[in-house]
Amino acid sequence: MAEKQAKTTPQTLAARLGQLDKRVEEIDALISLPEVASSAAKMTSLMQERGRLMRIVDPYRKWRAARAARRDAEELLRTEADDPDMRALAETEVRVHRDIEERLLGEIRERLLDREEGTDAPRIILEIRAGTGGEEAALFARDLYTMYFRYAEARGWKRETLSASPTDRGGFREVVFAVEGPDVFRRLQFESGGHRVQRVPETEAQGRIHTSAATVAVMPEPETLDIQLKDEDLEVETMRASGPGGQKVNKTSSAVRMRHLPTGLVVHMQDDKSQHRNREKALRILTARVFDYYESRKRAERSADRKSKIGSGDRSERIRTYNFPQNRLTDHRINFTAYHLDQVMQGDLGPLLDALLDADRTDQLGDLELDE
């Protein structure tokens, strides 16, 4: 949102929608073939793809029908200009079908954006890491964790902590958790980035305000069909879990370090006493990171001149400031300021997230038109 997306021309949008429509026709032809109909796996994959595409193709086909009806009514206006009754009927038809076109265009724009950005993902993995500021940064990471947990709880989303590295004072050096529910990625996608806090730390005896930071990464957790890591691309090591100061906390090799060789991404998991559970959690987190890595590259290729929605794409970039002395929250990407920080930290994120979604919608789709 820091920089406007290059405008999509009407011809480009029409071409993209035409390609999706053609793909639905191809799928319809494929599922009628005996060799496809006899394969449950192929049928399931094709029908799932068709279902996703039809969310866009269906309103597109209706838009084309409304456009054709409007043009017929306009032609009637030209040919029956001298007949008052026919002219009144044609004017009504033009107005009605133009309204239908506009409504369907809005629906197409929203659904196209959902499809391209993955904003309909029902599950996410959210990572919070303490940044500069020592123990105060770790306490701030804990506060962000609590804020998101309470927001998720208020919306009825499922929550599961996957990994946590606590500090002696109750903060988190790092915490990773999964959230599942309707609109979860769409609502939280813009939380990725650097979060800065200004407040008097609990350990500050002289009442001085300190500035600390934490980083947040929000990644959609992909479906099995979206991405599957190959065994030959994984390097897995097991070791004994260690506690504070490096001491061993158990006598078995339950900790797991998992590396994805093509990308170099690494996950270390030791929270559970079971190696199997640690391996399972590590694979979930690594799969989400790899999926996010490749999806980010695709978005960059589609729009090389546009920054990612979290700024430059660097998750350490500051996106928001939490000023406790002034009870003020400021999101620097959209110049959003609210003076109820205490409520925000209790999970009242609705107004801020709504503002971020509105700004992104305007940024990416505000000037989009459709014609052929």
Protein backbone atom coordinates (compact mmCIF):
# COMPACT_ATOMS: atom_id res chain seq x y z
CA MET A 1 0.00 0.00 0.00
CA ALA A 2 3.02 2.24 0.12
CA GLU A 3 2.96 2.54 -3.63
CA LYS A 4 0.10 2.29 -6.11
CA GLN A 5 -0.14 -0.76 -8.33
CA ALA A 6 0.36 -0.15 -12.03
CA LYS A 7 -3.08 0.39 -13.54
CA THR A 8 -4.59 -2.63 -15.27
CA THR A 9 -5.88 -1.70 -18.70
CA PRO A 10 -9.39 -2.72 -19.76
CA GLN A 11 -8.00 -4.95 -22.52
CA THR A 12 -5.72 -6.75 -20.06
CA LEU A 13 -8.53 -7.40 -17.61
CA ALA A 14 -10.84 -8.65 -20.36
CA ALA A 15 -8.09 -10.94 -21.63
CA ARG A 16 -7.47 -12.36 -18.15
CA LEU A 17 -11.15 -13.03 -17.60
CA GLY A 18 -11.43 -14.56 -21.04
CA GLN A 19 -8.58 -16.94 -20.19
CA LEU A 20 -10.32 -18.02 -16.98
CA ASP A 21 -13.57 -18.57 -18.88
CA LYS A 22 -11.72 -20.65 -21.48
CA ARG A 23 -10.09 -22.73 -18.72
CA VAL A 24 -13.52 -23.57 -17.27
CA GLU A 25 -14.60 -24.75 -20.74
CA GLU A 26 -11.45 -26.89 -20.95
CA ILE A 27 -12.19 -28.45 -17.55
CA ASP A 28 -15.77 -29.19 -18.59
CA ALA A 29 -14.41 -31.01 -21.63
CA LEU A 30 -11.81 -32.92 -19.59
CA ILE A 31 -14.21 -34.24 -16.95
CA SER A 32 -16.34 -35.80 -19.68
CA LEU A 33 -13.43 -37.96 -20.82
CA PRO A 34 -13.62 -41.61 -19.65
CA GLU A 35 -9.98 -41.71 -18.51
CA VAL A 36 -10.55 -38.65 -16.30
CA ALA A 37 -13.97 -39.71 -15.03
CA SER A 38 -12.48 -43.02 -13.87
CA SER A 39 -9.81 -41.30 -11.75
CA ALA A 40 -11.10 -39.98 -8.43
CA ALA A 41 -7.91 -37.95 -7.84
CA LYS A 42 -8.07 -36.23 -11.24
CA MET A 43 -11.79 -35.52 -10.90
CA THR A 44 -11.34 -34.06 -7.42
CA SER A 45 -8.48 -31.82 -8.54
CA LEU A 46 -10.34 -30.58 -11.63
CA MET A 47 -13.61 -29.96 -9.79
CA GLN A 48 -11.81 -28.03 -7.06
CA GLU A 49 -10.08 -25.91 -9.70
CA ARG A 50 -13.39 -25.35 -11.48
CA GLY A 51 -15.06 -24.30 -8.25
CA ARG A 52 -12.36 -21.69 -7.58
CA LEU A 53 -12.52 -20.36 -11.14
CA MET A 54 -16.31 -20.16 -11.22
CA ARG A 55 -16.29 -17.66 -8.36
CA ILE A 56 -14.94 -15.22 -10.96
CA VAL A 57 -16.23 -16.70 -14.22
CA ASP A 58 -19.87 -16.85 -13.11
CA PRO A 59 -20.22 -13.08 -12.44
CA TYR A 60 -18.14 -12.43 -15.58
CA ARG A 61 -20.60 -14.41 -17.72
CA LYS A 62 -23.52 -12.61 -16.08
CA TRP A 63 -21.75 -9.28 -16.73
CA ARG A 64 -21.41 -10.14 -20.42
CA ALA A 65 -25.11 -11.02 -20.60
CA ALA A 66 -26.09 -7.74 -18.91
CA ARG A 67 -23.81 -5.79 -21.21
CA ALA A 68 -25.38 -7.42 -24.30
CA ALA A 69 -28.88 -6.64 -23.02
CA ARG A 70 -27.92 -3.02 -22.34
CA ARG A 71 -26.51 -2.63 -25.84
CA ASP A 72 -29.69 -4.11 -27.33
CA ALA A 73 -31.73 -1.56 -25.37
CA GLU A 74 -29.48 1.27 -26.59
CA GLU A 75 -30.00 0.11 -30.17
CA LEU A 76 -33.76 0.10 -29.54
CA LEU A 77 -33.48 3.71 -28.37
CA ARG A 78 -31.86 4.67 -31.64
CA THR A 79 -34.30 2.84 -33.89
CA GLU A 80 -37.52 3.65 -31.99
CA ALA A 81 -36.74 7.25 -31.07
CA ASP A 82 -40.16 8.47 -32.30
CA ASP A 83 -42.22 6.01 -30.23
CA PRO A 84 -42.65 7.41 -26.66
CA ASP A 85 -43.67 4.05 -25.15
CA MET A 86 -40.81 2.12 -26.74
CA ARG A 87 -38.37 4.87 -25.82
CA ALA A 88 -39.48 4.79 -22.14
CA LEU A 89 -39.14 0.99 -22.10
CA ALA A 90 -35.68 1.14 -23.67
CA GLU A 91 -34.48 3.83 -21.24
CA THR A 92 -35.58 1.68 -18.32
CA GLU A 93 -33.82 -1.36 -19.77
CA VAL A 94 -30.60 0.61 -20.28
CA ARG A 95 -30.68 1.90 -16.70
CA VAL A 96 -31.46 -1.50 -15.15
CA HIS A 97 -28.78 -3.39 -17.07
CA ARG A 98 -26.17 -0.69 -16.47
CA ASP A 99 -26.79 -1.03 -12.73
CA ILE A 100 -26.42 -4.81 -13.01
CA GLU A 101 -23.15 -4.38 -14.93
CA GLU A 102 -21.73 -2.08 -12.25
CA ARG A 103 -22.71 -4.44 -9.44
CA LEU A 104 -21.20 -7.44 -11.21
CA LEU A 105 -18.03 -5.50 -12.04
CA GLY A 106 -17.55 -4.78 -8.35
CA GLU A 107 -18.03 -8.47 -7.59
CA ILE A 108 -15.53 -9.46 -10.28
CA ARG A 109 -12.94 -7.02 -8.99
CA GLU A 110 -13.22 -8.28 -5.41
CA ARG A 111 -13.08 -11.94 -6.36
CA LEU A 112 -10.22 -11.46 -8.78
CA LEU A 113 -8.18 -9.80 -6.05
CA ASP A 114 -9.03 -12.60 -3.62
CA ARG A 115 -7.86 -15.18 -6.14
CA GLU A 116 -4.59 -13.47 -7.00
CA GLU A 117 -3.54 -12.53 -3.49
CA GLY A 118 -4.76 -15.67 -1.74
CA THR A 119 -6.90 -13.60 0.60
CA ASP A 120 -9.46 -16.37 0.93
CA ALA A 121 -7.00 -18.68 2.74
CA PRO A 122 -8.78 -20.13 5.80
CA ARG A 123 -5.62 -20.81 7.82
CA ILE A 124 -2.51 -18.79 8.58
CA ILE A 125 0.72 -19.17 10.49
CA LEU A 126 1.69 -16.04 12.37
CA GLU A 127 5.25 -15.50 13.63
CA ILE A 128 6.29 -12.81 16.11
CA ARG A 129 9.94 -12.14 16.92
CA ALA A 130 11.47 -9.72 19.39
CA GLY A 131 13.66 -7.12 17.70
CA THR A 132 15.84 -4.37 19.10
CA GLY A 133 15.26 -3.54 22.74
CA GLY A 134 16.35 -6.61 24.72
CA GLU A 135 13.90 -7.84 27.34
CA GLU A 136 11.46 -5.01 26.63
CA ALA A 137 11.25 -6.14 23.00
CA ALA A 138 10.49 -9.68 24.19
CA LEU A 139 7.71 -8.34 26.44
CA PHE A 140 6.31 -6.37 23.51
CA ALA A 141 6.34 -9.55 21.39
CA ARG A 142 4.31 -11.20 24.16
CA ASP A 143 1.85 -8.29 24.12
CA LEU A 144 1.40 -8.57 20.35
CA TYR A 145 0.83 -12.30 20.73
CA THR A 146 -1.88 -11.62 23.33
CA MET A 147 -3.44 -8.91 21.12
CA TYR A 148 -3.78 -11.23 18.12
CA PHE A 149 -4.95 -14.12 20.26
CA ARG A 150 -7.74 -12.04 21.77
CA TYR A 151 -8.79 -10.67 18.38
CA ALA A 152 -8.93 -14.23 17.02
CA GLU A 153 -10.90 -15.37 20.06
CA ALA A 154 -13.45 -12.58 19.59
CA ARG A 155 -14.01 -13.68 15.97
CA GLY A 156 -14.38 -17.30 16.94
CA TRP A 157 -11.23 -18.44 15.14
CA LYS A 158 -9.32 -21.56 16.20
CA ARG A 159 -5.89 -20.89 17.69
CA GLU A 160 -2.92 -23.20 18.21
CA THR A 161 0.52 -22.24 19.51
CA LEU A 162 3.14 -24.17 17.53
CA SER A 163 6.38 -22.88 19.00
CA ALA A 164 7.49 -20.44 21.70
CA SER A 165 10.84 -19.26 23.08
CA PRO A 166 10.01 -17.57 26.40
CA THR A 167 12.31 -15.36 28.44
CA ASP A 168 12.78 -15.33 32.21
CA ARG A 169 10.52 -12.28 32.60
CA GLY A 170 7.62 -13.76 30.63
CA GLY A 171 8.35 -12.31 27.21
CA PHE A 172 8.95 -14.13 23.94
CA ARG A 173 12.09 -14.12 21.85
CA GLU A 174 9.93 -15.83 19.24
CA VAL A 175 6.43 -17.28 19.15
CA VAL A 176 4.69 -19.05 16.26
CA PHE A 177 1.01 -19.91 16.20
CA ALA A 178 -1.67 -21.02 13.76
CA VAL A 179 -5.08 -19.38 13.34
CA GLU A 180 -7.99 -20.86 11.40
CA GLY A 181 -11.34 -19.36 10.49
CA PRO A 182 -13.35 -17.44 7.90
CA ASP A 183 -11.49 -14.45 6.37
CA VAL A 184 -8.48 -15.01 8.63
CA PHE A 185 -5.81 -14.19 6.04
CA ARG A 186 -7.84 -11.43 4.42
CA ARG A 187 -8.18 -9.72 7.80
CA LEU A 188 -4.63 -10.18 9.07
CA GLN A 189 -2.53 -10.11 5.88
CA PHE A 190 -1.28 -6.56 6.44
CA GLU A 191 0.14 -7.25 9.91
CA SER A 192 3.43 -8.43 8.40
CA GLY A 193 6.22 -5.95 9.10
CA GLY A 194 8.03 -4.09 11.86
CA HIS A 195 6.06 -2.99 14.92
CA ARG A 196 7.61 -0.32 17.18
CA VAL A 197 6.64 0.40 20.78
CA GLN A 198 7.32 3.52 22.84
CA ARG A 199 6.71 3.12 26.58
CA VAL A 200 8.28 3.01 30.03
CA PRO A 201 9.57 -0.55 30.50
CA GLU A 202 8.65 -2.54 33.58
CA THR A 203 12.34 -2.63 34.48
CA GLU A 204 12.84 1.16 34.13
CA ALA A 205 13.24 2.72 37.61
CA GLN A 206 13.51 6.36 36.46
CA GLY A 207 10.39 6.42 34.30
CA ARG A 208 12.17 7.01 30.99
CA ILE A 209 10.45 6.11 27.74
CA HIS A 210 12.22 3.46 25.68
CA THR A 211 11.73 2.42 22.08
CA SER A 212 11.71 -1.28 21.20
CA ALA A 213 10.58 -3.35 18.25
CA ALA A 214 9.20 -6.67 17.14
CA THR A 215 8.55 -8.15 13.71
CA VAL A 216 5.44 -9.99 12.56
CA ALA A 217 5.09 -12.37 9.61
CA VAL A 218 1.67 -13.56 8.45
CA MET A 219 1.68 -16.50 6.01
CA PRO A 220 -1.27 -18.43 4.57
CA GLU A 221 -1.04 -22.10 5.48
CA PRO A 222 -1.45 -23.82 2.11
CA GLU A 223 -3.78 -26.67 1.29
CA THR A 224 -2.15 -30.02 0.53
CA LEU A 225 -2.97 -29.55 -3.17
CA ASP A 226 -1.31 -26.12 -3.25
CA ILE A 227 2.18 -27.25 -2.25
CA GLN A 228 3.85 -30.46 -1.16
CA LEU A 229 7.49 -30.54 -0.09
CA LYS A 230 9.47 -33.39 -1.63
CA ASP A 231 11.44 -35.66 0.70
CA GLU A 232 14.57 -35.20 -1.40
CA ASP A 233 14.33 -31.42 -0.90
CA LEU A 234 14.35 -31.74 2.89
CA GLU A 235 17.32 -32.09 5.21
CA VAL A 236 16.22 -33.22 8.68
CA GLU A 237 18.43 -33.36 11.77
CA THR A 238 17.48 -34.55 15.25
CA MET A 239 19.15 -33.49 18.50
CA ARG A 240 18.50 -33.11 22.18
CA ALA A 241 16.37 -30.15 23.14
CA SER A 242 18.17 -27.48 25.16
CA GLY A 243 16.86 -25.01 27.70
CA PRO A 244 18.07 -21.60 28.94
CA GLY A 245 21.83 -21.38 29.03
CA GLY A 246 22.23 -24.30 26.70
CA GLN A 247 21.58 -27.09 29.22
CA LYS A 248 19.91 -30.25 27.95
CA VAL A 249 16.31 -30.57 29.04
CA ASN A 250 15.79 -34.24 28.13
CA LYS A 251 17.80 -37.36 27.42
CA THR A 252 16.22 -38.17 24.05
CA SER A 253 16.82 -36.58 20.67
CA SER A 254 13.40 -34.97 20.37
CA ALA A 255 14.40 -31.62 18.82
CA VAL A 256 14.17 -31.32 15.04
CA ARG A 257 15.91 -28.98 12.61
CA MET A 258 14.40 -29.04 9.13
CA ARG A 259 15.91 -27.31 6.09
CA HIS A 260 14.32 -26.83 2.65
CA LEU A 261 17.31 -27.19 0.35
CA PRO A 262 16.01 -25.29 -2.73
CA THR A 263 15.24 -22.14 -0.71
CA GLY A 264 17.57 -22.52 2.27
CA LEU A 265 14.68 -21.91 4.70
CA VAL A 266 15.16 -23.54 8.12
CA VAL A 267 12.85 -24.37 11.03
CA HIS A 268 14.04 -25.56 14.46
CA MET A 269 11.43 -27.16 16.71
CA GLN A 270 11.91 -28.46 20.25
CA ASP A 271 8.73 -27.49 22.12
CA ASP A 272 7.31 -30.99 22.36
CA LYS A 273 8.86 -33.99 24.09
CA SER A 274 7.84 -36.09 21.11
CA GLN A 275 10.16 -36.06 18.11
CA HIS A 276 7.20 -37.00 15.92
CA ARG A 277 5.18 -33.98 17.10
CA ASN A 278 8.16 -31.66 16.67
CA ARG A 279 8.72 -32.99 13.17
CA GLU A 280 5.02 -32.49 12.33
CA LYS A 281 5.02 -28.90 13.60
CA ALA A 282 8.30 -28.09 11.86
CA LEU A 283 6.92 -29.37 8.56
CA ARG A 284 3.76 -27.22 8.92
CA ILE A 285 5.78 -24.08 9.58
CA LEU A 286 8.33 -24.83 6.86
CA THR A 287 5.61 -25.57 4.31
CA ALA A 288 3.96 -22.21 5.06
CA ARG A 289 7.29 -20.39 4.76
CA VAL A 290 8.13 -22.07 1.45
CA PHE A 291 4.64 -21.35 0.10
CA ASP A 292 4.98 -17.71 1.17
CA TYR A 293 8.44 -17.54 -0.44
CA TYR A 294 7.22 -18.73 -3.83
CA GLU A 295 3.98 -16.74 -3.72
CA SER A 296 5.96 -13.58 -2.95
CA ARG A 297 8.11 -14.22 -6.00
CA LYS A 298 5.01 -14.68 -8.17
CA ARG A 299 3.54 -11.41 -6.94
CA ALA A 300 6.82 -9.63 -7.67
CA GLU A 301 6.91 -11.05 -11.19
CA ARG A 302 3.30 -9.98 -11.85
CA SER A 303 3.99 -6.46 -10.69
CA ALA A 304 7.71 -5.76 -10.69
CA ASP A 305 7.24 -2.01 -10.23
CA ARG A 306 4.93 -2.31 -7.24
CA LYS A 307 6.06 -2.76 -3.68
CA SER A 308 4.61 -5.53 -1.60
CA LYS A 309 1.64 -4.62 0.55
CA ILE A 310 3.89 -4.47 3.59
CA GLY A 311 6.22 -1.91 2.00
CA SER A 312 9.45 -3.01 0.43
CA GLY A 313 8.89 -6.61 1.41
CA ASP A 314 11.46 -6.39 4.22
CA ARG A 315 9.64 -7.56 7.32
CA SER A 316 11.89 -5.41 9.51
CA GLU A 317 10.45 -2.28 7.93
CA ARG A 318 8.47 -0.23 10.43
CA ILE A 319 4.78 -0.27 9.64
CA ARG A 320 3.25 0.77 12.95
CA THR A 321 4.04 2.58 16.20
CA TYR A 322 2.44 1.87 19.58
CA ASN A 323 2.86 4.94 21.80
CA PHE A 324 1.73 4.01 25.32
CA PRO A 325 2.26 7.39 27.07
CA GLN A 326 -0.12 9.03 24.58
CA ASN A 327 -2.39 5.93 24.25
CA ARG A 328 -1.83 6.34 20.49
CA LEU A 329 -1.48 3.85 17.66
CA THR A 330 -0.21 4.99 14.24
CA ASP A 331 -0.08 2.90 11.09
CA HIS A 332 2.46 4.67 8.88
CA ARG A 333 1.35 3.07 5.59
CA ILE A 334 -2.09 4.68 5.54
CA ASN A 335 -1.60 7.55 8.03
CA PHE A 336 -4.11 5.92 10.39
CA THR A 337 -4.06 7.19 13.97
CA ALA A 338 -6.22 6.04 16.88
CA TYR A 339 -6.19 7.15 20.51
CA HIS A 340 -7.44 3.97 22.11
CA LEU A 341 -4.24 1.92 22.17
CA ASP A 342 -5.28 0.29 25.45
CA GLN A 343 -8.32 -1.22 23.71
CA VAL A 344 -6.27 -2.25 20.66
CA MET A 345 -3.87 -4.20 22.88
CA GLN A 346 -6.91 -6.06 24.24
CA GLY A 347 -7.74 -7.23 20.72
CA ASP A 348 -9.88 -4.36 19.39
CA LEU A 349 -8.28 -4.41 15.93
CA GLY A 350 -11.44 -4.07 13.83
CA PRO A 351 -11.29 -0.36 12.86
CA LEU A 352 -7.58 -0.56 11.99
CA LEU A 353 -7.93 -3.71 9.88
CA ASP A 354 -10.97 -2.26 8.10
CA ALA A 355 -8.97 0.86 7.22
CA LEU A 356 -6.09 -1.24 5.86
CA LEU A 357 -8.44 -3.32 3.72
CA ASP A 358 -10.20 -0.22 2.37
CA ALA A 359 -6.88 1.43 1.49
CA ASP A 360 -5.60 -1.68 -0.28
CA ARG A 361 -8.84 -2.10 -2.22
CA THR A 362 -8.66 1.50 -3.43
CA ASP A 363 -4.96 1.13 -4.20
CA GLN A 364 -5.30 -1.99 -6.30
CA LEU A 365 -8.78 -1.81 -7.77
CA GLY A 366 -9.96 1.76 -7.57
CA ASP A 367 -9.43 2.58 -11.25
CA LEU A 368 -10.10 -0.84 -12.70
CA GLU A 369 -12.62 -0.90 -15.53
CA LEU A 370 -13.87 -3.63 -17.82
CA ASP A 371 -14.89 -3.46 -21.46
CA GLU A 372 -14.40 -5.45 -24.62
